[in-house]
Amino acid sequence: MTGVRPNGSDADWHISSYSSSTSGDCVEAGPLTDGSARFAVRDSRHRDLGCLTFTAPEWAAFLAGVAVEDS
């Protein structure tokens, strides 16, 4: 993990397709728009708590691990 950002206003957020639209328990992720090629993840319910940021290789490793678990 690269770091924690105080807010996530500078990311192109996408809500997880596994998140429930009725419960409010959602995870959002998306690339930062600052040109750094980093990705951010945050809790939709607590956006004010900031987000975690990851480098492109860290994010790719996470996605590869999720794909293995999902198959």
PDB file of N, CA and C in Angstrom:
ATOM      1  N   MET A   1       0.843  -1.168   0.000  1.00  0.00           N
ATOM      2  CA  MET A   1       0.000   0.000   0.000  1.00  0.00           C
ATOM      3  C   MET A   1       0.889   1.232   0.000  1.00  0.00           C
ATOM      4  N   THR A   2       0.569   2.174  -0.820  1.00  0.00           N
ATOM      5  CA  THR A   2       1.351   3.390  -0.950  1.00  0.00           C
ATOM      6  C   THR A   2       1.047   4.392   0.146  1.00  0.00           C
ATOM      7  N   GLY A   3      -0.204   4.596   0.482  1.00  0.00           N
ATOM      8  CA  GLY A   3      -0.508   5.591   1.496  1.00  0.00           C
ATOM      9  C   GLY A   3      -1.979   5.779   1.745  1.00  0.00           C
ATOM     10  N   VAL A   4      -2.248   6.742   2.602  1.00  0.00           N
ATOM     11  CA  VAL A   4      -3.612   7.115   2.947  1.00  0.00           C
ATOM     12  C   VAL A   4      -3.797   8.571   2.580  1.00  0.00           C
ATOM     13  N   ARG A   5      -4.879   8.871   1.901  1.00  0.00           N
ATOM     14  CA  ARG A   5      -5.173  10.253   1.507  1.00  0.00           C
ATOM     15  C   ARG A   5      -6.331  10.761   2.344  1.00  0.00           C
ATOM     16  N   PRO A   6      -6.279  12.016   2.753  1.00  0.00           N
ATOM     17  CA  PRO A   6      -7.348  12.564   3.592  1.00  0.00           C
ATOM     18  C   PRO A   6      -8.695  12.669   2.890  1.00  0.00           C
ATOM     19  N   ASN A   7      -8.695  12.786   1.582  1.00  0.00           N
ATOM     20  CA  ASN A   7      -9.967  12.794   0.846  1.00  0.00           C
ATOM     21  C   ASN A   7      -9.732  12.141  -0.499  1.00  0.00           C
ATOM     22  N   GLY A   8     -10.796  11.779  -1.148  1.00  0.00           N
ATOM     23  CA  GLY A   8     -10.667  11.080  -2.415  1.00  0.00           C
ATOM     24  C   GLY A   8     -11.291  11.810  -3.569  1.00  0.00           C
ATOM     25  N   SER A   9     -11.313  13.108  -3.498  1.00  0.00           N
ATOM     26  CA  SER A   9     -11.989  13.872  -4.529  1.00  0.00           C
ATOM     27  C   SER A   9     -11.249  13.850  -5.863  1.00  0.00           C
ATOM     28  N   ASP A  10     -10.007  13.406  -5.855  1.00  0.00           N
ATOM     29  CA  ASP A  10      -9.217  13.415  -7.081  1.00  0.00           C
ATOM     30  C   ASP A  10      -9.061  12.023  -7.692  1.00  0.00           C
ATOM     31  N   ALA A  11     -10.127  11.213  -7.596  1.00  0.00           N
ATOM     32  CA  ALA A  11     -10.117   9.883  -8.207  1.00  0.00           C
ATOM     33  C   ALA A  11     -11.361   9.724  -9.075  1.00  0.00           C
ATOM     34  N   ASP A  12     -11.259   8.865 -10.065  1.00  0.00           N
ATOM     35  CA  ASP A  12     -12.387   8.535 -10.933  1.00  0.00           C
ATOM     36  C   ASP A  12     -13.066   7.299 -10.334  1.00  0.00           C
ATOM     37  N   TRP A  13     -13.977   7.526  -9.383  1.00  0.00           N
ATOM     38  CA  TRP A  13     -14.543   6.464  -8.568  1.00  0.00           C
ATOM     39  C   TRP A  13     -15.529   5.580  -9.321  1.00  0.00           C
ATOM     40  N   HIS A  14     -15.477   4.275  -8.999  1.00  0.00           N
ATOM     41  CA  HIS A  14     -16.410   3.279  -9.514  1.00  0.00           C
ATOM     42  C   HIS A  14     -16.844   2.414  -8.335  1.00  0.00           C
ATOM     43  N   ILE A  15     -18.144   2.168  -8.206  1.00  0.00           N
ATOM     44  CA  ILE A  15     -18.661   1.332  -7.122  1.00  0.00           C
ATOM     45  C   ILE A  15     -18.550  -0.134  -7.530  1.00  0.00           C
ATOM     46  N   SER A  16     -18.108  -0.956  -6.605  1.00  0.00           N
ATOM     47  CA  SER A  16     -17.957  -2.385  -6.858  1.00  0.00           C
ATOM     48  C   SER A  16     -19.278  -3.009  -7.289  1.00  0.00           C
ATOM     49  N   SER A  17     -19.221  -3.892  -8.266  1.00  0.00           N
ATOM     50  CA  SER A  17     -20.424  -4.588  -8.721  1.00  0.00           C
ATOM     51  C   SER A  17     -20.905  -5.583  -7.670  1.00  0.00           C
ATOM     52  N   TYR A  18     -20.067  -5.914  -6.691  1.00  0.00           N
ATOM     53  CA  TYR A  18     -20.459  -6.817  -5.610  1.00  0.00           C
ATOM     54  C   TYR A  18     -21.101  -6.074  -4.448  1.00  0.00           C
ATOM     55  N   SER A  19     -21.108  -4.764  -4.478  1.00  0.00           N
ATOM     56  CA  SER A  19     -21.691  -3.973  -3.401  1.00  0.00           C
ATOM     57  C   SER A  19     -23.202  -3.937  -3.526  1.00  0.00           C
ATOM     58  N   SER A  20     -23.865  -3.925  -2.390  1.00  0.00           N
ATOM     59  CA  SER A  20     -25.318  -3.876  -2.361  1.00  0.00           C
ATOM     60  C   SER A  20     -25.791  -2.431  -2.494  1.00  0.00           C
ATOM     61  N   SER A  21     -26.720  -2.198  -3.374  1.00  0.00           N
ATOM     62  CA  SER A  21     -27.228  -0.839  -3.555  1.00  0.00           C
ATOM     63  C   SER A  21     -28.221  -0.448  -2.462  1.00  0.00           C
ATOM     64  N   THR A  22     -28.721  -1.412  -1.707  1.00  0.00           N
ATOM     65  CA  THR A  22     -29.711  -1.115  -0.676  1.00  0.00           C
ATOM     66  C   THR A  22     -29.119  -0.991   0.721  1.00  0.00           C
ATOM     67  N   SER A  23     -28.009  -1.665   0.997  1.00  0.00           N
ATOM     68  CA  SER A  23     -27.462  -1.668   2.353  1.00  0.00           C
ATOM     69  C   SER A  23     -26.546  -0.486   2.638  1.00  0.00           C
ATOM     70  N   GLY A  24     -26.003   0.122   1.608  1.00  0.00           N
ATOM     71  CA  GLY A  24     -25.053   1.211   1.812  1.00  0.00           C
ATOM     72  C   GLY A  24     -23.644   0.725   2.064  1.00  0.00           C
ATOM     73  N   ASP A  25     -23.452  -0.599   2.118  1.00  0.00           N
ATOM     74  CA  ASP A  25     -22.121  -1.167   2.315  1.00  0.00           C
ATOM     75  C   ASP A  25     -21.441  -1.313   0.962  1.00  0.00           C
ATOM     76  N   CYS A  26     -20.740  -0.277   0.558  1.00  0.00           N
ATOM     77  CA  CYS A  26     -20.126  -0.265  -0.769  1.00  0.00           C
ATOM     78  C   CYS A  26     -18.649   0.058  -0.676  1.00  0.00           C
ATOM     79  N   VAL A  27     -17.917  -0.502  -1.591  1.00  0.00           N
ATOM     80  CA  VAL A  27     -16.507  -0.183  -1.756  1.00  0.00           C
ATOM     81  C   VAL A  27     -16.371   0.492  -3.109  1.00  0.00           C
ATOM     82  N   GLU A  28     -15.641   1.588  -3.129  1.00  0.00           N
ATOM     83  CA  GLU A  28     -15.376   2.296  -4.372  1.00  0.00           C
ATOM     84  C   GLU A  28     -13.890   2.233  -4.664  1.00  0.00           C
ATOM     85  N   ALA A  29     -13.553   2.138  -5.933  1.00  0.00           N
ATOM     86  CA  ALA A  29     -12.153   2.124  -6.346  1.00  0.00           C
ATOM     87  C   ALA A  29     -12.033   2.869  -7.665  1.00  0.00           C
ATOM     88  N   GLY A  30     -10.848   3.385  -7.925  1.00  0.00           N
ATOM     89  CA  GLY A  30     -10.631   4.061  -9.189  1.00  0.00           C
ATOM     90  C   GLY A  30      -9.252   4.674  -9.278  1.00  0.00           C
ATOM     91  N   PRO A  31      -8.849   4.996 -10.492  1.00  0.00           N
ATOM     92  CA  PRO A  31      -7.545   5.618 -10.693  1.00  0.00           C
ATOM     93  C   PRO A  31      -7.544   7.069 -10.212  1.00  0.00           C
ATOM     94  N   LEU A  32      -6.436   7.492  -9.635  1.00  0.00           N
ATOM     95  CA  LEU A  32      -6.286   8.894  -9.271  1.00  0.00           C
ATOM     96  C   LEU A  32      -6.169   9.715 -10.545  1.00  0.00           C
ATOM     97  N   THR A  33      -6.682  10.901 -10.524  1.00  0.00           N
ATOM     98  CA  THR A  33      -6.685  11.756 -11.711  1.00  0.00           C
ATOM     99  C   THR A  33      -5.515  12.727 -11.725  1.00  0.00           C
ATOM    100  N   ASP A  34      -4.518  12.486 -10.872  1.00  0.00           N
ATOM    101  CA  ASP A  34      -3.367  13.391 -10.786  1.00  0.00           C
ATOM    102  C   ASP A  34      -2.210  12.982 -11.696  1.00  0.00           C
ATOM    103  N   GLY A  35      -2.424  11.951 -12.528  1.00  0.00           N
ATOM    104  CA  GLY A  35      -1.389  11.507 -13.450  1.00  0.00           C
ATOM    105  C   GLY A  35      -0.342  10.602 -12.833  1.00  0.00           C
ATOM    106  N   SER A  36      -0.565  10.161 -11.600  1.00  0.00           N
ATOM    107  CA  SER A  36       0.433   9.350 -10.893  1.00  0.00           C
ATOM    108  C   SER A  36       0.355   7.863 -11.215  1.00  0.00           C
ATOM    109  N   ALA A  37      -0.665   7.427 -11.924  1.00  0.00           N
ATOM    110  CA  ALA A  37      -0.894   6.014 -12.248  1.00  0.00           C
ATOM    111  C   ALA A  37      -1.153   5.191 -10.997  1.00  0.00           C
ATOM    112  N   ARG A  38      -1.629   5.827  -9.922  1.00  0.00           N
ATOM    113  CA  ARG A  38      -1.987   5.118  -8.699  1.00  0.00           C
ATOM    114  C   ARG A  38      -3.504   4.924  -8.651  1.00  0.00           C
ATOM    115  N   PHE A  39      -3.919   3.976  -7.818  1.00  0.00           N
ATOM    116  CA  PHE A  39      -5.328   3.656  -7.655  1.00  0.00           C
ATOM    117  C   PHE A  39      -5.727   3.876  -6.203  1.00  0.00           C
ATOM    118  N   ALA A  40      -6.995   4.193  -6.000  1.00  0.00           N
ATOM    119  CA  ALA A  40      -7.494   4.464  -4.654  1.00  0.00           C
ATOM    120  C   ALA A  40      -8.700   3.576  -4.355  1.00  0.00           C
ATOM    121  N   VAL A  41      -8.879   3.272  -3.069  1.00  0.00           N
ATOM    122  CA  VAL A  41     -10.013   2.482  -2.592  1.00  0.00           C
ATOM    123  C   VAL A  41     -10.574   3.179  -1.362  1.00  0.00           C
ATOM    124  N   ARG A  42     -11.905   3.250  -1.265  1.00  0.00           N
ATOM    125  CA  ARG A  42     -12.518   3.857  -0.094  1.00  0.00           C
ATOM    126  C   ARG A  42     -13.845   3.178   0.230  1.00  0.00           C
ATOM    127  N   ASP A  43     -14.305   3.407   1.435  1.00  0.00           N
ATOM    128  CA  ASP A  43     -15.593   2.933   1.923  1.00  0.00           C
ATOM    129  C   ASP A  43     -16.636   3.992   1.569  1.00  0.00           C
ATOM    130  N   SER A  44     -17.625   3.617   0.788  1.00  0.00           N
ATOM    131  CA  SER A  44     -18.644   4.582   0.360  1.00  0.00           C
ATOM    132  C   SER A  44     -19.423   5.171   1.531  1.00  0.00           C
ATOM    133  N   ARG A  45     -19.575   4.402   2.563  1.00  0.00           N
ATOM    134  CA  ARG A  45     -20.334   4.863   3.717  1.00  0.00           C
ATOM    135  C   ARG A  45     -19.565   5.911   4.522  1.00  0.00           C
ATOM    136  N   HIS A  46     -18.237   5.849   4.457  1.00  0.00           N
ATOM    137  CA  HIS A  46     -17.400   6.751   5.248  1.00  0.00           C
ATOM    138  C   HIS A  46     -16.379   7.467   4.362  1.00  0.00           C
ATOM    139  N   ARG A  47     -16.854   8.120   3.340  1.00  0.00           N
ATOM    140  CA  ARG A  47     -15.973   8.817   2.400  1.00  0.00           C
ATOM    141  C   ARG A  47     -15.105   9.866   3.078  1.00  0.00           C
ATOM    142  N   ASP A  48     -15.615  10.448   4.154  1.00  0.00           N
ATOM    143  CA  ASP A  48     -14.882  11.498   4.863  1.00  0.00           C
ATOM    144  C   ASP A  48     -13.622  10.971   5.561  1.00  0.00           C
ATOM    145  N   LEU A  49     -13.482   9.657   5.683  1.00  0.00           N
ATOM    146  CA  LEU A  49     -12.299   9.077   6.327  1.00  0.00           C
ATOM    147  C   LEU A  49     -11.119   8.929   5.371  1.00  0.00           C
ATOM    148  N   GLY A  50     -11.296   9.297   4.127  1.00  0.00           N
ATOM    149  CA  GLY A  50     -10.203   9.234   3.160  1.00  0.00           C
ATOM    150  C   GLY A  50     -10.177   7.921   2.400  1.00  0.00           C
ATOM    151  N   CYS A  51      -9.031   7.634   1.794  1.00  0.00           N
ATOM    152  CA  CYS A  51      -8.908   6.435   0.978  1.00  0.00           C
ATOM    153  C   CYS A  51      -7.486   5.888   1.065  1.00  0.00           C
ATOM    154  N   LEU A  52      -7.340   4.647   0.686  1.00  0.00           N
ATOM    155  CA  LEU A  52      -6.029   4.010   0.589  1.00  0.00           C
ATOM    156  C   LEU A  52      -5.571   4.129  -0.857  1.00  0.00           C
ATOM    157  N   THR A  53      -4.283   4.336  -1.069  1.00  0.00           N
ATOM    158  CA  THR A  53      -3.773   4.425  -2.437  1.00  0.00           C
ATOM    159  C   THR A  53      -2.752   3.320  -2.681  1.00  0.00           C
ATOM    160  N   PHE A  54      -2.713   2.878  -3.914  1.00  0.00           N
ATOM    161  CA  PHE A  54      -1.846   1.780  -4.331  1.00  0.00           C
ATOM    162  C   PHE A  54      -1.164   2.129  -5.646  1.00  0.00           C
ATOM    163  N   THR A  55       0.066   1.652  -5.820  1.00  0.00           N
ATOM    164  CA  THR A  55       0.752   1.818  -7.099  1.00  0.00           C
ATOM    165  C   THR A  55       0.095   0.884  -8.120  1.00  0.00           C
ATOM    166  N   ALA A  56       0.378   1.097  -9.393  1.00  0.00           N
ATOM    167  CA  ALA A  56      -0.181   0.233 -10.438  1.00  0.00           C
ATOM    168  C   ALA A  56       0.214  -1.237 -10.230  1.00  0.00           C
ATOM    169  N   PRO A  57       1.482  -1.559  -9.910  1.00  0.00           N
ATOM    170  CA  PRO A  57       1.829  -2.964  -9.660  1.00  0.00           C
ATOM    171  C   PRO A  57       1.111  -3.554  -8.436  1.00  0.00           C
ATOM    172  N   GLU A  58       0.940  -2.763  -7.389  1.00  0.00           N
ATOM    173  CA  GLU A  58       0.209  -3.240  -6.207  1.00  0.00           C
ATOM    174  C   GLU A  58      -1.243  -3.530  -6.560  1.00  0.00           C
ATOM    175  N   TRP A  59      -1.860  -2.640  -7.327  1.00  0.00           N
ATOM    176  CA  TRP A  59      -3.258  -2.810  -7.725  1.00  0.00           C
ATOM    177  C   TRP A  59      -3.417  -4.031  -8.633  1.00  0.00           C
ATOM    178  N   ALA A  60      -2.486  -4.214  -9.562  1.00  0.00           N
ATOM    179  CA  ALA A  60      -2.536  -5.378 -10.463  1.00  0.00           C
ATOM    180  C   ALA A  60      -2.410  -6.683  -9.667  1.00  0.00           C
ATOM    181  N   ALA A  61      -1.541  -6.702  -8.658  1.00  0.00           N
ATOM    182  CA  ALA A  61      -1.385  -7.903  -7.823  1.00  0.00           C
ATOM    183  C   ALA A  61      -2.667  -8.197  -7.048  1.00  0.00           C
ATOM    184  N   PHE A  62      -3.306  -7.137  -6.540  1.00  0.00           N
ATOM    185  CA  PHE A  62      -4.575  -7.310  -5.832  1.00  0.00           C
ATOM    186  C   PHE A  62      -5.631  -7.909  -6.761  1.00  0.00           C
ATOM    187  N   LEU A  63      -5.764  -7.332  -7.956  1.00  0.00           N
ATOM    188  CA  LEU A  63      -6.773  -7.828  -8.902  1.00  0.00           C
ATOM    189  C   LEU A  63      -6.485  -9.275  -9.313  1.00  0.00           C
ATOM    190  N   ALA A  64      -5.222  -9.610  -9.491  1.00  0.00           N
ATOM    191  CA  ALA A  64      -4.862 -10.990  -9.837  1.00  0.00           C
ATOM    192  C   ALA A  64      -5.253 -11.936  -8.704  1.00  0.00           C
ATOM    193  N   GLY A  65      -5.037 -11.513  -7.472  1.00  0.00           N
ATOM    194  CA  GLY A  65      -5.422 -12.348  -6.327  1.00  0.00           C
ATOM    195  C   GLY A  65      -6.924 -12.520  -6.219  1.00  0.00           C
ATOM    196  N   VAL A  66      -7.672 -11.490  -6.483  1.00  0.00           N
ATOM    197  CA  VAL A  66      -9.132 -11.563  -6.442  1.00  0.00           C
ATOM    198  C   VAL A  66      -9.625 -12.501  -7.540  1.00  0.00           C
ATOM    199  N   ALA A  67      -9.027 -12.412  -8.725  1.00  0.00           N
ATOM    200  CA  ALA A  67      -9.437 -13.270  -9.843  1.00  0.00           C
ATOM    201  C   ALA A  67      -9.214 -14.744  -9.508  1.00  0.00           C
ATOM    202  N   VAL A  68      -8.134 -15.066  -8.826  1.00  0.00           N
ATOM    203  CA  VAL A  68      -7.844 -16.443  -8.433  1.00  0.00           C
ATOM    204  C   VAL A  68      -8.885 -16.930  -7.437  1.00  0.00           C
ATOM    205  N   GLU A  69      -9.223 -16.099  -6.465  1.00  0.00           N
ATOM    206  CA  GLU A  69     -10.222 -16.458  -5.456  1.00  0.00           C
ATOM    207  C   GLU A  69     -11.625 -16.598  -6.052  1.00  0.00           C
ATOM    208  N   ASP A  70     -11.911 -15.835  -7.094  1.00  0.00           N
ATOM    209  CA  ASP A  70     -13.235 -15.825  -7.692  1.00  0.00           C
ATOM    210  C   ASP A  70     -13.468 -17.018  -8.619  1.00  0.00           C
ATOM    211  N   SER A  71     -12.406 -17.672  -9.048  1.00  0.00           N
ATOM    212  CA  SER A  71     -12.576 -18.779 -10.011  1.00  0.00           C
ATOM    213  C   SER A  71     -12.732 -20.115  -9.332  1.00  0.00           C
TER     214      SER A  71
END
